[in-house]
C-alpha atoms as a PDB file:
ATOM      1  CA  SER A   1      45.103 -29.099 -93.511  1.00  0.00           C
ATOM      2  CA  LEU A   2      48.372 -28.344 -91.804  1.00  0.00           C
ATOM      3  CA  ALA A   3      48.154 -24.615 -92.513  1.00  0.00           C
ATOM      4  CA  LYS A   4      44.685 -24.384 -90.958  1.00  0.00           C
ATOM      5  CA  ASN A   5      45.733 -26.334 -87.865  1.00  0.00           C
ATOM      6  CA  CYS A   6      48.906 -24.248 -87.422  1.00  0.00           C
ATOM      7  CA  SER A   7      46.908 -21.055 -87.769  1.00  0.00           C
ATOM      8  CA  LEU A   8      44.285 -22.303 -85.323  1.00  0.00           C
ATOM      9  CA  GLY A   9      46.967 -23.461 -82.895  1.00  0.00           C
ATOM     10  CA  MET A  10      48.578 -20.036 -82.948  1.00  0.00           C
ATOM     11  CA  THR A  11      45.203 -18.375 -82.493  1.00  0.00           C
ATOM     12  CA  LEU A  12      44.292 -20.582 -79.517  1.00  0.00           C
ATOM     13  CA  HIS A  13      47.733 -19.960 -78.014  1.00  0.00           C
ATOM     14  CA  ALA A  14      47.263 -16.201 -78.344  1.00  0.00           C
ATOM     15  CA  LEU A  15      43.841 -16.437 -76.699  1.00  0.00           C
ATOM     16  CA  SER A  16      45.191 -18.403 -73.731  1.00  0.00           C
ATOM     17  CA  TRP A  17      48.128 -15.980 -73.434  1.00  0.00           C
ATOM     18  CA  HIS A  18      45.693 -13.064 -73.212  1.00  0.00           C
ATOM     19  CA  GLU A  19      43.689 -14.842 -70.531  1.00  0.00           C
ATOM     20  CA  MET A  20      46.811 -15.823 -68.574  1.00  0.00           C
ATOM     21  CA  HIS A  21      48.016 -12.227 -68.532  1.00  0.00           C
ATOM     22  CA  LYS A  22      44.570 -10.989 -67.482  1.00  0.00           C
ATOM     23  CA  TYR A  23      43.860  -9.022 -70.635  1.00  0.00           C
ATOM     24  CA  GLU A  24      40.174  -8.491 -71.063  1.00  0.00           C
ATOM     25  CA  LEU A  25      38.913 -10.369 -74.087  1.00  0.00           C
ATOM     26  CA  ASN A  26      35.998  -9.053 -76.113  1.00  0.00           C
ATOM     27  CA  GLN A  27      33.651 -10.287 -78.830  1.00  0.00           C
ATOM     28  CA  TYR A  28      36.200  -9.636 -81.538  1.00  0.00           C
ATOM     29  CA  HIS A  29      38.849 -11.861 -79.918  1.00  0.00           C
ATOM     30  CA  TYR A  30      36.402 -14.706 -79.460  1.00  0.00           C
ATOM     31  CA  ALA A  31      34.891 -14.267 -82.926  1.00  0.00           C
ATOM     32  CA  VAL A  32      38.298 -14.742 -84.557  1.00  0.00           C
ATOM     33  CA  VAL A  33      38.963 -17.953 -82.645  1.00  0.00           C
ATOM     34  CA  VAL A  34      35.458 -19.416 -83.028  1.00  0.00           C
ATOM     35  CA  ASP A  35      35.667 -18.701 -86.756  1.00  0.00           C
ATOM     36  CA  ALA A  36      39.074 -20.433 -86.918  1.00  0.00           C
ATOM     37  CA  CYS A  37      37.562 -23.441 -85.133  1.00  0.00           C
ATOM     38  CA  ALA A  38      34.691 -23.502 -87.619  1.00  0.00           C
ATOM     39  CA  LYS A  39      37.082 -23.450 -90.563  1.00  0.00           C
ATOM     40  CA  ALA A  40      39.077 -26.293 -88.995  1.00  0.00           C
ATOM     41  CA  SER A  41      35.877 -28.300 -88.261  1.00  0.00           C
ATOM     42  CA  MET A  42      36.648 -28.232 -84.530  1.00  0.00           C
ATOM     43  CA  TRP A  43      33.126 -28.059 -83.153  1.00  0.00           C
ATOM     44  CA  LYS A  44      34.033 -29.124 -79.598  1.00  0.00           C
ATOM     45  CA  GLN A  45      36.555 -26.308 -79.245  1.00  0.00           C
ATOM     46  CA  SER A  46      34.060 -23.895 -80.735  1.00  0.00           C
ATOM     47  CA  LEU A  47      31.476 -24.824 -78.108  1.00  0.00           C
ATOM     48  CA  GLN A  48      34.109 -24.605 -75.361  1.00  0.00           C
ATOM     49  CA  LEU A  49      34.903 -21.077 -76.472  1.00  0.00           C
ATOM     50  CA  CYS A  50      31.209 -20.195 -76.357  1.00  0.00           C
ATOM     51  CA  ALA A  51      31.081 -21.524 -72.789  1.00  0.00           C
ATOM     52  CA  MET A  52      34.150 -19.433 -71.927  1.00  0.00           C
ATOM     53  CA  MET A  53      32.376 -16.377 -73.288  1.00  0.00           C
ATOM     54  CA  VAL A  54      29.378 -17.014 -71.057  1.00  0.00           C
ATOM     55  CA  GLN A  55      31.667 -17.486 -68.024  1.00  0.00           C
ATOM     56  CA  SER A  56      33.491 -14.248 -68.879  1.00  0.00           C
ATOM     57  CA  SER A  57      30.225 -12.347 -69.425  1.00  0.00           C
ATOM     58  CA  VAL A  58      31.117 -11.628 -73.050  1.00  0.00           C
ATOM     59  CA  GLU A  59      27.958 -11.384 -75.115  1.00  0.00           C
ATOM     60  CA  MET A  60      27.665 -13.695 -78.111  1.00  0.00           C
ATOM     61  CA  ASP A  61      26.571 -11.906 -81.266  1.00  0.00           C
ATOM     62  CA  THR A  62      25.281 -13.052 -84.651  1.00  0.00           C
ATOM     63  CA  ILE A  63      28.784 -13.583 -86.042  1.00  0.00           C
ATOM     64  CA  ILE A  64      29.906 -15.777 -83.154  1.00  0.00           C
ATOM     65  CA  PHE A  65      26.701 -17.824 -83.079  1.00  0.00           C
ATOM     66  CA  SER A  66      26.886 -18.295 -86.856  1.00  0.00           C
ATOM     67  CA  ALA A  67      30.509 -19.453 -86.680  1.00  0.00           C
ATOM     68  CA  ALA A  68      29.721 -21.870 -83.845  1.00  0.00           C
ATOM     69  CA  ILE A  69      26.717 -23.263 -85.739  1.00  0.00           C
ATOM     70  CA  SER A  70      28.901 -23.614 -88.818  1.00  0.00           C
ATOM     71  CA  SER A  71      31.512 -25.559 -86.848  1.00  0.00           C
ATOM     72  CA  CYS A  72      28.780 -27.916 -85.607  1.00  0.00           C
ATOM     73  CA  GLU A  73      27.504 -28.295 -89.162  1.00  0.00           C
ATOM     74  CA  LYS A  74      30.982 -29.195 -90.425  1.00  0.00           C
ATOM     75  CA  GLY A  75      31.409 -31.628 -87.545  1.00  0.00           C
ATOM     76  CA  GLY A  76      28.132 -33.411 -88.292  1.00  0.00           C
ATOM     77  CA  GLN A  77      26.533 -32.162 -85.075  1.00  0.00           C
ATOM     78  CA  TRP A  78      23.074 -31.148 -86.273  1.00  0.00           C
ATOM     79  CA  MET A  79      21.514 -31.323 -82.786  1.00  0.00           C
ATOM     80  CA  LYS A  80      24.175 -29.003 -81.353  1.00  0.00           C
ATOM     81  CA  ALA A  81      23.618 -26.626 -84.285  1.00  0.00           C
ATOM     82  CA  LEU A  82      19.871 -26.586 -83.550  1.00  0.00           C
ATOM     83  CA  GLN A  83      20.549 -26.012 -79.848  1.00  0.00           C
ATOM     84  CA  LEU A  84      22.712 -22.984 -80.630  1.00  0.00           C
ATOM     85  CA  PHE A  85      20.074 -21.700 -83.043  1.00  0.00           C
ATOM     86  CA  SER A  86      17.478 -22.055 -80.281  1.00  0.00           C
ATOM     87  CA  VAL A  87      19.706 -20.194 -77.795  1.00  0.00           C
ATOM     88  CA  MET A  88      20.019 -17.375 -80.344  1.00  0.00           C
ATOM     89  CA  ALA A  89      16.246 -17.053 -80.452  1.00  0.00           C
ATOM     90  CA  GLN A  90      15.975 -17.158 -76.639  1.00  0.00           C
ATOM     91  CA  ARG A  91      18.555 -14.376 -76.340  1.00  0.00           C
ATOM     92  CA  LYS A  92      16.923 -12.428 -79.173  1.00  0.00           C
ATOM     93  CA  VAL A  93      20.140 -12.418 -81.218  1.00  0.00           C
ATOM     94  CA  GLU A  94      19.324 -11.634 -84.823  1.00  0.00           C
ATOM     95  CA  CYS A  95      19.867 -14.393 -87.397  1.00  0.00           C
ATOM     96  CA  ASN A  96      21.283 -13.708 -90.827  1.00  0.00           C
ATOM     97  CA  ILE A  97      21.635 -15.656 -94.063  1.00  0.00           C
ATOM     98  CA  VAL A  98      24.874 -17.244 -92.812  1.00  0.00           C
ATOM     99  CA  THR A  99      23.143 -18.472 -89.655  1.00  0.00           C
ATOM    100  CA  TYR A 100      20.245 -19.996 -91.551  1.00  0.00           C
ATOM    101  CA  SER A 101      22.507 -21.541 -94.192  1.00  0.00           C
ATOM    102  CA  ALA A 102      24.639 -23.239 -91.537  1.00  0.00           C
ATOM    103  CA  VAL A 103      21.734 -24.607 -89.494  1.00  0.00           C
ATOM    104  CA  VAL A 104      19.819 -25.773 -92.605  1.00  0.00           C
ATOM    105  CA  SER A 105      22.979 -27.457 -93.906  1.00  0.00           C
ATOM    106  CA  ALA A 106      23.564 -29.122 -90.514  1.00  0.00           C
ATOM    107  CA  CYS A 107      20.046 -30.569 -90.598  1.00  0.00           C
ATOM    108  CA  GLU A 108      20.448 -31.673 -94.206  1.00  0.00           C
ATOM    109  CA  LYS A 109      23.740 -33.450 -93.422  1.00  0.00           C
ATOM    110  CA  GLY A 110      22.059 -35.126 -90.468  1.00  0.00           C
ATOM    111  CA  SER A 111      19.223 -36.357 -92.723  1.00  0.00           C
ATOM    112  CA  GLN A 112      16.799 -34.102 -90.876  1.00  0.00           C
ATOM    113  CA  TRP A 113      14.945 -33.000 -94.005  1.00  0.00           C
ATOM    114  CA  GLU A 114      11.771 -31.871 -92.247  1.00  0.00           C
ATOM    115  CA  LYS A 115      13.717 -29.638 -89.880  1.00  0.00           C
ATOM    116  CA  ALA A 116      15.813 -28.286 -92.765  1.00  0.00           C
ATOM    117  CA  LEU A 117      12.699 -27.460 -94.798  1.00  0.00           C
ATOM    118  CA  HIS A 118      11.018 -25.866 -91.780  1.00  0.00           C
ATOM    119  CA  LEU A 119      14.062 -23.655 -91.138  1.00  0.00           C
ATOM    120  CA  PHE A 120      14.313 -22.742 -94.808  1.00  0.00           C
ATOM    121  CA  SER A 121      10.636 -21.803 -94.814  1.00  0.00           C
ATOM    122  CA  GLU A 122      11.161 -19.767 -91.633  1.00  0.00           C
ATOM    123  CA  MET A 123      14.053 -17.943 -93.296  1.00  0.00           C
ATOM    124  CA  LEU A 124      11.929 -17.149 -96.359  1.00  0.00           C
ATOM    125  CA  GLY A 125       9.201 -15.796 -94.079  1.00  0.00           C
ATOM    126  CA  SER A 126      11.606 -13.591 -92.168  1.00  0.00           C
ATOM    127  CA  LYS A 127      11.554  -9.953 -93.174  1.00  0.00           C
ATOM    128  CA  LYS A 128      15.077  -9.450 -91.821  1.00  0.00           C
ATOM    129  CA  VAL A 129      16.722 -12.198 -93.878  1.00  0.00           C
ATOM    130  CA  GLU A 130      16.753 -12.364 -97.651  1.00  0.00           C
ATOM    131  CA  PRO A 131      18.094 -15.429 -99.486  1.00  0.00           C
END
């Protein structure tokens, strides 16, 4: 929708302004923009922001990973969602119900039923995540 795109455009503009003026950006700044990208189904921009975070040595947390996975899910990018989920595990970033819901939904939308069921089963077996 127009409102979402205007809001996202303003958010991206603010982020680039901060970078241009050499303000140090933190997890909160990136989380807001990655979440806006997810809501606008802009998975490519979401992944670009994640790459910017890595370049800037800003640590990605559960909220940012979940938002990025959600943007991939909304964009029909189940493989990208699984890749992000795998990176989370490699970096030992804790998953939550939002993370699992997004990655399971991405697999379901990509007709990857076996992967979706495996992830759902993994979530049920996790002591840290309750459905």
